Amino acid sequence: MKSKSTRMQTMSLTLLATAAVVAASSSAMAAEGRGQRYSPGVGGSDMTSLLVPGWYGQVAMIHYHATKLKDNNGDKVGAISGTASRDSIVSRLPIPPANQAAANAALAGAGFQGVGYNTNVNNFRADVYAALFRVTYLSTNQAFGANLGFTAMLPMVRRQTSISADPVTLSAANLGVLGAVIGPTGATEAGNTIRNTVNSQITGSRGQATGMGDLEMSPIMHWELGDNQAISFAPTIVIPTGDYNKNSGINAGYGNFYTFRPSVQYGYIGDGWDVGARAVLSFNTRNKDTDYKSGNMFNLDFQLMKFISDDFRLGLQGYVVQQISDDSSGNAATQASIDAADGSRMRTFALGPSLAWIMNGGEMMVEGKLLREFASRNRSEGTAYWLTISKPFGM
């Protein structure tokens, strides 16, 4: 079994390098970038509202704020340590290619394997602001007893991340061995290279991006079961239309790949408590720009609501995020990091209050939610603030 320290050393910089997209948002990939192509918590009182044939519009606005980044063991990423290998050091030194093999052999003969580095993360903050614009149509046409329709959603996203860390310190003993073989000047250059590499990975996680996210579309099948119960099925396809650059640590879109995301939703509208739940599976193709394939995801949104007046419902909402298969990469170094962290599988849970205002018996619905995450792994842990406006427009 891999030790906690070994996993931490392997994954901490990878987590930091992608910290800008760890936050949940309107459109994200399963595990590349520590995000997912589904907005956990987006399902709310619409899961327990009547859906009759006609047109519907919805705008869901979210602010996700996180100051914690969790590792594979669920611990907060603080100290970052690792080792710059002998090969990586030699390849970056100003040594002619013809002499690199000899330098590598001389270092190996001296027992030199690499130089350890260490730093501490002082502050981490990730914020995502998104507006999810959705249109839905349900017809009177039926198949297999279900009304047929479609839905489409396009997000607009703004992401910003800030990270600060202590100066990088290096193993003095190992630098001494390096200097004895290649000279003090070469050891100094090697040390500067290692510091610059670590700092660039941390710096690359800072910044902001604003733009269009990835478009999602789906047919709908909606069954009214009687006894105030309903089930909906939506096999969603997410298309990589968002603003994305593989060389940027922060993007509005999430990569050059597709996601197939079937979901089943159940709702019960009772005399007292209303109950709704949505189960979602996400299957991703390989990102053509990075040769990275994110693992499959399971999401569960659920809500329990009670009318406290003729127009207001108050209740509890939550979600579950669980990656159910490992990531994979065509890059050997990236794959090694994935393997070291047991597949880079991420998870989180969230709970919080929800308040819905149903205007004029259903003319419009406005809902606010505050969902706080806990028990996170391989991703951020934060709080999501939601404001959703839904309105039917008739046939």
Protein backbone atom coordinates (compact mmCIF):
# COMPACT_ATOMS: atom_id res chain seq x y z
CA MET A 1 0.00 0.00 0.00
CA LYS A 2 1.30 3.49 -0.87
CA SER A 3 2.11 5.66 2.13
CA LYS A 4 0.35 8.92 2.77
CA SER A 5 3.59 10.90 2.27
CA THR A 6 4.34 9.20 -1.06
CA ARG A 7 0.89 10.02 -2.41
CA MET A 8 1.20 13.58 -1.17
CA GLN A 9 4.54 14.10 -2.87
CA THR A 10 3.29 12.67 -6.14
CA MET A 11 0.03 14.55 -6.41
CA SER A 12 0.44 17.86 -4.61
CA LEU A 13 1.98 19.75 -7.53
CA THR A 14 -0.46 18.17 -9.96
CA LEU A 15 -3.30 19.45 -7.81
CA LEU A 16 -1.82 22.92 -7.66
CA ALA A 17 -1.12 23.01 -11.38
CA THR A 18 -4.84 22.53 -12.03
CA ALA A 19 -6.24 24.38 -9.05
CA ALA A 20 -7.88 26.97 -11.24
CA VAL A 21 -10.52 24.53 -12.41
CA VAL A 22 -11.14 22.46 -9.32
CA ALA A 23 -14.24 24.44 -8.61
CA ALA A 24 -17.63 23.08 -9.60
CA SER A 25 -19.16 25.04 -12.43
CA SER A 26 -21.62 24.92 -15.24
CA SER A 27 -19.49 22.69 -17.38
CA ALA A 28 -16.45 20.71 -16.36
CA MET A 29 -14.69 17.48 -17.06
CA ALA A 30 -14.73 14.39 -14.89
CA ALA A 31 -11.29 14.49 -13.35
CA GLU A 32 -8.82 16.28 -15.64
CA GLY A 33 -8.33 19.61 -13.91
CA ARG A 34 -10.14 18.23 -10.84
CA GLY A 35 -13.49 19.32 -12.23
CA GLN A 36 -16.50 17.61 -13.76
CA ARG A 37 -18.86 18.21 -16.64
CA TYR A 38 -21.90 18.56 -14.44
CA SER A 39 -22.92 21.20 -11.93
CA PRO A 40 -23.67 19.40 -8.66
CA GLY A 41 -26.56 21.11 -6.93
CA VAL A 42 -28.12 22.45 -10.13
CA GLY A 43 -31.18 20.25 -9.62
CA GLY A 44 -33.48 21.89 -7.10
CA SER A 45 -37.17 22.64 -6.68
CA ASP A 46 -37.65 21.98 -10.40
CA MET A 47 -37.26 18.28 -9.44
CA THR A 48 -40.45 18.54 -7.35
CA SER A 49 -42.47 20.87 -9.60
CA LEU A 50 -45.16 19.88 -12.08
CA LEU A 51 -43.91 19.54 -15.66
CA VAL A 52 -46.73 19.92 -18.16
CA PRO A 53 -46.43 20.30 -21.96
CA GLY A 54 -45.04 23.67 -22.99
CA TRP A 55 -41.94 25.86 -23.10
CA TYR A 56 -39.78 26.64 -20.07
CA GLY A 57 -36.90 29.03 -19.50
CA GLN A 58 -34.41 28.88 -16.66
CA VAL A 59 -31.36 30.82 -15.52
CA ALA A 60 -29.30 29.24 -12.75
CA MET A 61 -26.61 31.47 -11.28
CA ILE A 62 -23.86 30.12 -9.06
CA HIS A 63 -20.93 31.44 -7.08
CA TYR A 64 -18.62 28.66 -5.93
CA HIS A 65 -15.96 29.68 -3.39
CA ALA A 66 -13.21 27.39 -2.08
CA THR A 67 -10.17 27.94 0.13
CA LYS A 68 -9.27 24.29 0.65
CA LEU A 69 -7.61 21.87 -1.75
CA LYS A 70 -7.83 18.23 -0.67
CA ASP A 71 -5.45 15.38 -1.56
CA ASN A 72 -6.15 11.69 -2.16
CA ASN A 73 -6.46 11.07 1.59
CA GLY A 74 -8.86 13.93 2.19
CA ASP A 75 -6.18 16.06 3.87
CA LYS A 76 -5.66 19.71 3.08
CA VAL A 77 -2.77 20.30 0.70
CA GLY A 78 -0.24 22.35 2.65
CA ALA A 79 3.35 21.15 2.52
CA ILE A 80 4.52 20.28 -0.97
CA SER A 81 7.56 18.08 -1.37
CA GLY A 82 9.02 15.92 -4.07
CA THR A 83 12.20 15.04 -5.95
CA ALA A 84 13.61 16.42 -9.19
CA SER A 85 15.07 13.32 -10.85
CA ARG A 86 18.62 13.01 -12.16
CA ASP A 87 17.43 12.74 -15.77
CA SER A 88 15.22 15.83 -15.53
CA ILE A 89 18.05 17.87 -13.99
CA VAL A 90 20.64 16.86 -16.60
CA SER A 91 18.25 17.51 -19.50
CA ARG A 92 17.72 21.10 -18.32
CA LEU A 93 21.34 22.00 -17.67
CA PRO A 94 23.35 23.93 -20.32
CA ILE A 95 25.23 20.77 -21.32
CA PRO A 96 25.63 19.87 -25.01
CA PRO A 97 23.38 16.90 -25.88
CA ALA A 98 26.44 14.82 -26.78
CA ASN A 99 27.76 15.23 -23.22
CA GLN A 100 24.52 14.62 -21.35
CA ALA A 101 24.87 10.83 -21.32
CA ALA A 102 28.35 11.11 -19.78
CA ALA A 103 27.12 13.55 -17.13
CA ASN A 104 24.21 11.28 -16.31
CA ALA A 105 26.55 8.28 -15.98
CA ALA A 106 28.95 10.22 -13.74
CA LEU A 107 26.09 11.28 -11.45
CA ALA A 108 24.77 7.74 -11.31
CA GLY A 109 28.23 6.48 -10.37
CA ALA A 110 28.33 8.98 -7.50
CA GLY A 111 25.01 7.61 -6.23
CA PHE A 112 23.09 10.79 -7.15
CA GLN A 113 19.40 10.16 -7.86
CA GLY A 114 17.94 13.63 -7.64
CA VAL A 115 17.36 16.73 -5.51
CA GLY A 116 14.51 16.98 -3.05
CA TYR A 117 12.43 20.14 -2.88
CA ASN A 118 9.95 21.52 -0.36
CA THR A 119 7.57 24.46 0.02
CA ASN A 120 4.35 25.34 1.83
CA VAL A 121 1.11 26.67 0.41
CA ASN A 122 0.05 29.72 2.40
CA ASN A 123 -3.18 30.67 0.67
CA PHE A 124 -5.42 29.05 -1.91
CA ARG A 125 -8.62 30.56 -3.25
CA ALA A 126 -10.80 29.53 -6.17
CA ASP A 127 -13.96 31.32 -7.28
CA VAL A 128 -16.30 30.44 -10.09
CA TYR A 129 -19.18 32.64 -11.22
CA ALA A 130 -21.50 31.11 -13.78
CA ALA A 131 -24.88 31.72 -15.36
CA LEU A 132 -26.53 28.63 -16.88
CA PHE A 133 -29.09 29.55 -19.56
CA ARG A 134 -31.49 26.69 -20.24
CA VAL A 135 -34.52 26.26 -22.50
CA THR A 136 -36.81 23.22 -22.25
CA TYR A 137 -39.77 22.07 -24.31
CA LEU A 138 -42.19 19.25 -23.48
CA SER A 139 -44.67 18.22 -26.16
CA THR A 140 -47.97 16.36 -26.06
CA ASN A 141 -46.48 13.63 -28.26
CA GLN A 142 -45.86 10.38 -26.47
CA ALA A 143 -43.74 7.23 -26.76
CA PHE A 144 -43.80 4.33 -24.31
CA GLY A 145 -46.24 6.32 -22.21
CA ALA A 146 -43.87 9.29 -21.82
CA ASN A 147 -44.24 12.85 -23.08
CA LEU A 148 -41.37 13.74 -25.42
CA GLY A 149 -39.33 16.93 -25.41
CA PHE A 150 -35.85 18.40 -25.40
CA THR A 151 -33.63 20.68 -23.35
CA ALA A 152 -30.48 22.69 -24.08
CA MET A 153 -28.15 24.64 -21.80
CA LEU A 154 -25.33 27.08 -22.51
CA PRO A 155 -23.22 28.45 -19.65
CA MET A 156 -21.26 31.66 -19.31
CA VAL A 157 -18.38 31.28 -16.89
CA ARG A 158 -15.84 33.38 -15.03
CA ARG A 159 -13.08 31.61 -13.07
CA GLN A 160 -10.36 33.11 -10.93
CA THR A 161 -7.76 31.49 -8.72
CA SER A 162 -5.01 32.76 -6.45
CA ILE A 163 -2.26 30.76 -4.73
CA SER A 164 0.75 31.81 -2.69
CA ALA A 165 3.58 29.64 -1.38
CA ASP A 166 6.83 29.94 0.56
CA PRO A 167 10.17 30.06 -1.29
CA VAL A 168 11.22 26.63 -2.54
CA THR A 169 13.96 24.98 -0.46
CA LEU A 170 16.24 22.24 -1.79
CA SER A 171 18.14 19.35 -0.27
CA ALA A 172 21.61 20.81 0.48
CA ALA A 173 23.25 17.37 0.77
CA ASN A 174 22.09 16.29 -2.67
CA LEU A 175 23.14 19.61 -4.21
CA GLY A 176 26.59 19.03 -2.70
CA VAL A 177 26.88 15.65 -4.47
CA LEU A 178 25.74 17.29 -7.69
CA GLY A 179 28.32 20.05 -7.32
CA ALA A 180 31.12 17.57 -6.71
CA VAL A 181 30.47 15.99 -10.12
CA ILE A 182 29.47 18.89 -12.39
CA GLY A 183 31.00 21.77 -10.43
CA PRO A 184 29.55 24.52 -8.20
CA THR A 185 28.30 26.58 -11.14
CA GLY A 186 26.37 23.64 -12.57
CA ALA A 187 24.88 22.85 -9.15
CA THR A 188 23.74 26.46 -8.76
CA GLU A 189 22.12 26.41 -12.20
CA ALA A 190 20.43 23.10 -11.38
CA GLY A 191 19.06 24.53 -8.14
CA ASN A 192 17.70 27.60 -9.89
CA THR A 193 16.09 25.41 -12.56
CA ILE A 194 14.31 23.29 -9.96
CA ARG A 195 13.05 26.35 -8.07
CA ASN A 196 11.86 27.99 -11.28
CA THR A 197 10.06 24.82 -12.40
CA VAL A 198 8.18 24.43 -9.11
CA ASN A 199 7.37 28.14 -8.97
CA SER A 200 6.09 28.12 -12.56
CA GLN A 201 3.68 25.29 -11.76
CA ILE A 202 2.32 27.26 -8.82
CA THR A 203 2.22 30.52 -10.79
CA GLY A 204 0.42 28.77 -13.66
CA SER A 205 -2.45 28.07 -11.31
CA ARG A 206 -3.13 31.77 -10.76
CA GLY A 207 -5.23 34.00 -12.96
CA GLN A 208 -8.69 34.31 -14.40
CA ALA A 209 -10.75 33.47 -17.46
CA THR A 210 -14.16 34.54 -18.71
CA GLY A 211 -16.07 33.07 -21.62
CA MET A 212 -18.59 30.64 -22.96
CA GLY A 213 -18.75 27.14 -21.52
CA ASP A 214 -19.64 23.87 -23.21
CA LEU A 215 -23.06 23.41 -24.80
CA GLU A 216 -25.24 20.53 -23.64
CA MET A 217 -28.33 19.14 -25.39
CA SER A 218 -30.70 16.31 -24.63
CA PRO A 219 -34.01 14.75 -25.58
CA ILE A 220 -36.45 14.25 -22.69
CA MET A 221 -38.87 11.48 -21.80
CA HIS A 222 -41.26 12.40 -18.98
CA TRP A 223 -43.66 9.99 -17.29
CA GLU A 224 -46.48 11.05 -14.96
CA LEU A 225 -46.99 8.03 -12.71
CA GLY A 226 -50.05 9.16 -10.79
CA ASP A 227 -50.17 9.59 -7.01
CA ASN A 228 -48.25 12.86 -7.55
CA GLN A 229 -45.15 11.06 -8.83
CA ALA A 230 -43.11 11.64 -12.00
CA ILE A 231 -39.95 10.28 -13.64
CA SER A 232 -37.84 11.93 -16.34
CA PHE A 233 -35.03 10.50 -18.46
CA ALA A 234 -32.53 12.74 -20.29
CA PRO A 235 -29.56 11.26 -22.24
CA THR A 236 -27.43 14.41 -22.50
CA ILE A 237 -24.56 15.08 -24.91
CA VAL A 238 -22.04 17.78 -23.94
CA ILE A 239 -20.20 19.36 -26.89
CA PRO A 240 -16.80 21.11 -26.55
CA THR A 241 -17.94 24.56 -27.68
CA GLY A 242 -16.38 26.44 -24.77
CA ASP A 243 -13.34 28.73 -24.80
CA TYR A 244 -10.35 26.43 -24.22
CA ASN A 245 -6.57 26.51 -24.65
CA LYS A 246 -4.62 23.46 -23.50
CA ASN A 247 -1.63 25.66 -22.62
CA SER A 248 -3.68 27.78 -20.24
CA GLY A 249 -4.23 26.68 -16.65
CA ILE A 250 -7.57 28.48 -16.53
CA ASN A 251 -10.30 28.13 -19.16
CA ALA A 252 -14.04 28.71 -19.50
CA GLY A 253 -14.42 25.46 -21.44
CA TYR A 254 -12.90 22.15 -20.43
CA GLY A 255 -11.25 20.51 -23.37
CA ASN A 256 -11.53 18.95 -26.77
CA PHE A 257 -13.67 15.96 -25.82
CA TYR A 258 -17.32 14.91 -25.59
CA THR A 259 -19.37 13.69 -22.63
CA PHE A 260 -22.37 11.35 -22.72
CA ARG A 261 -24.41 11.96 -19.57
CA PRO A 262 -27.64 10.02 -19.04
CA SER A 263 -29.76 11.05 -16.06
CA VAL A 264 -32.91 9.80 -14.33
CA GLN A 265 -34.98 12.13 -12.18
CA TYR A 266 -37.72 11.25 -9.69
CA GLY A 267 -40.15 13.64 -8.06
CA TYR A 268 -42.92 13.26 -5.50
CA ILE A 269 -45.25 16.15 -4.74
CA GLY A 270 -47.06 15.38 -1.49
CA ASP A 271 -49.45 17.17 0.84
CA GLY A 272 -46.62 17.89 3.27
CA TRP A 273 -43.09 17.14 2.13
CA ASP A 274 -41.99 17.14 -1.51
CA VAL A 275 -39.08 14.88 -2.47
CA GLY A 276 -36.88 14.98 -5.57
CA ALA A 277 -33.70 13.23 -6.70
CA ARG A 278 -31.60 13.08 -9.85
CA ALA A 279 -29.01 10.36 -10.57
CA VAL A 280 -26.42 11.13 -13.27
CA LEU A 281 -23.65 9.14 -14.94
CA SER A 282 -20.96 10.80 -17.06
CA PHE A 283 -18.84 9.04 -19.70
CA ASN A 284 -16.05 11.01 -21.39
CA THR A 285 -14.10 10.59 -24.58
CA ARG A 286 -10.34 11.30 -24.63
CA ASN A 287 -9.23 14.92 -24.78
CA LYS A 288 -7.65 15.19 -28.24
CA ASP A 289 -5.49 18.12 -27.17
CA THR A 290 -3.95 16.54 -24.06
CA ASP A 291 -4.38 12.78 -24.62
CA TYR A 292 -6.05 12.62 -21.19
CA LYS A 293 -9.18 10.56 -20.53
CA SER A 294 -11.15 11.46 -17.44
CA GLY A 295 -12.76 8.70 -15.43
CA ASN A 296 -16.50 8.08 -15.30
CA MET A 297 -18.52 10.04 -12.75
CA PHE A 298 -21.61 9.47 -10.61
CA ASN A 299 -23.66 12.38 -9.33
CA LEU A 300 -26.72 12.42 -7.11
CA ASP A 301 -28.73 15.56 -6.38
CA PHE A 302 -31.52 15.35 -3.81
CA GLN A 303 -33.94 17.71 -2.13
CA LEU A 304 -36.58 17.56 0.59
CA MET A 305 -38.97 20.54 0.69
CA LYS A 306 -41.99 21.60 2.74
CA PHE A 307 -44.52 24.39 2.12
CA ILE A 308 -44.30 26.92 4.96
CA SER A 309 -46.94 29.17 3.34
CA ASP A 310 -48.96 29.24 0.15
CA ASP A 311 -46.00 30.63 -1.80
CA PHE A 312 -42.85 29.47 -0.01
CA ARG A 313 -41.13 26.12 0.39
CA LEU A 314 -38.22 25.52 2.74
CA GLY A 315 -36.08 22.42 2.92
CA LEU A 316 -32.77 20.62 2.71
CA GLN A 317 -30.72 19.95 -0.40
CA GLY A 318 -27.52 18.04 -1.01
CA TYR A 319 -25.39 16.24 -3.55
CA VAL A 320 -22.94 13.41 -3.95
CA VAL A 321 -19.98 13.47 -6.34
CA GLN A 322 -18.08 10.21 -6.81
CA GLN A 323 -15.66 9.24 -9.55
CA ILE A 324 -16.20 5.55 -10.34
CA SER A 325 -13.32 4.75 -12.71
CA ASP A 326 -9.69 5.81 -13.00
CA ASP A 327 -8.28 8.51 -15.22
CA SER A 328 -5.81 7.53 -17.92
CA SER A 329 -3.21 9.42 -19.94
CA GLY A 330 -1.05 8.82 -22.98
CA ASN A 331 1.73 10.73 -21.20
CA ALA A 332 3.87 8.33 -19.12
CA ALA A 333 4.72 10.88 -16.42
CA THR A 334 1.10 11.93 -16.04
CA GLN A 335 -0.01 8.31 -15.90
CA ALA A 336 2.54 7.64 -13.14
CA SER A 337 1.01 10.45 -11.08
CA ILE A 338 -2.47 9.07 -11.70
CA ASP A 339 -1.39 5.58 -10.60
CA ALA A 340 0.31 6.94 -7.49
CA ALA A 341 -2.94 8.52 -6.35
CA ASP A 342 -5.07 5.41 -6.93
CA GLY A 343 -6.45 6.69 -10.22
CA SER A 344 -6.94 10.31 -9.15
CA ARG A 345 -10.53 9.53 -8.22
CA MET A 346 -12.29 12.49 -6.70
CA ARG A 347 -15.33 12.82 -4.49
CA THR A 348 -17.26 15.26 -2.35
CA PHE A 349 -20.54 15.57 -0.50
CA ALA A 350 -22.64 18.66 0.21
CA LEU A 351 -25.65 19.69 2.30
CA GLY A 352 -27.45 22.94 2.90
CA PRO A 353 -30.75 24.84 3.08
CA SER A 354 -32.98 25.73 0.14
CA LEU A 355 -35.78 28.29 -0.05
CA ALA A 356 -38.16 28.50 -3.02
CA TRP A 357 -40.69 31.23 -3.82
CA ILE A 358 -43.50 30.11 -6.14
CA MET A 359 -45.18 33.21 -7.52
CA ASN A 360 -48.90 33.34 -8.31
CA GLY A 361 -49.42 29.60 -8.17
CA GLY A 362 -46.61 28.78 -10.61
CA GLU A 363 -46.18 31.84 -12.84
CA MET A 364 -42.52 31.91 -11.86
CA MET A 365 -40.25 30.23 -9.34
CA VAL A 366 -37.22 31.78 -7.62
CA GLU A 367 -34.98 29.58 -5.50
CA GLY A 368 -31.92 30.24 -3.36
CA LYS A 369 -29.57 27.56 -2.01
CA LEU A 370 -26.42 27.39 0.06
CA LEU A 371 -24.56 24.07 -0.22
CA ARG A 372 -21.44 23.38 1.82
CA GLU A 373 -19.07 20.57 0.77
CA PHE A 374 -17.32 18.10 3.07
CA ALA A 375 -15.25 14.86 2.96
CA SER A 376 -13.66 15.91 -0.36
CA ARG A 377 -10.80 14.09 -2.07
CA ASN A 378 -8.60 15.03 -5.03
CA ARG A 379 -10.38 18.34 -5.55
CA SER A 380 -11.38 21.57 -3.88
CA GLU A 381 -13.76 21.80 -0.94
CA GLY A 382 -15.94 24.88 -0.79
CA THR A 383 -19.41 26.39 -0.70
CA ALA A 384 -21.85 26.89 -3.57
CA TYR A 385 -24.34 29.77 -3.55
CA TRP A 386 -27.21 29.31 -6.01
CA LEU A 387 -29.96 31.60 -7.29
CA THR A 388 -32.27 30.01 -9.88
CA ILE A 389 -35.15 31.63 -11.78
CA SER A 390 -37.56 29.32 -13.68
CA LYS A 391 -40.53 30.39 -15.76
CA PRO A 392 -43.05 28.50 -17.95
CA PHE A 393 -44.12 30.15 -21.20
CA GLY A 394 -47.01 27.93 -22.25
CA MET A 395 -47.46 26.03 -25.50
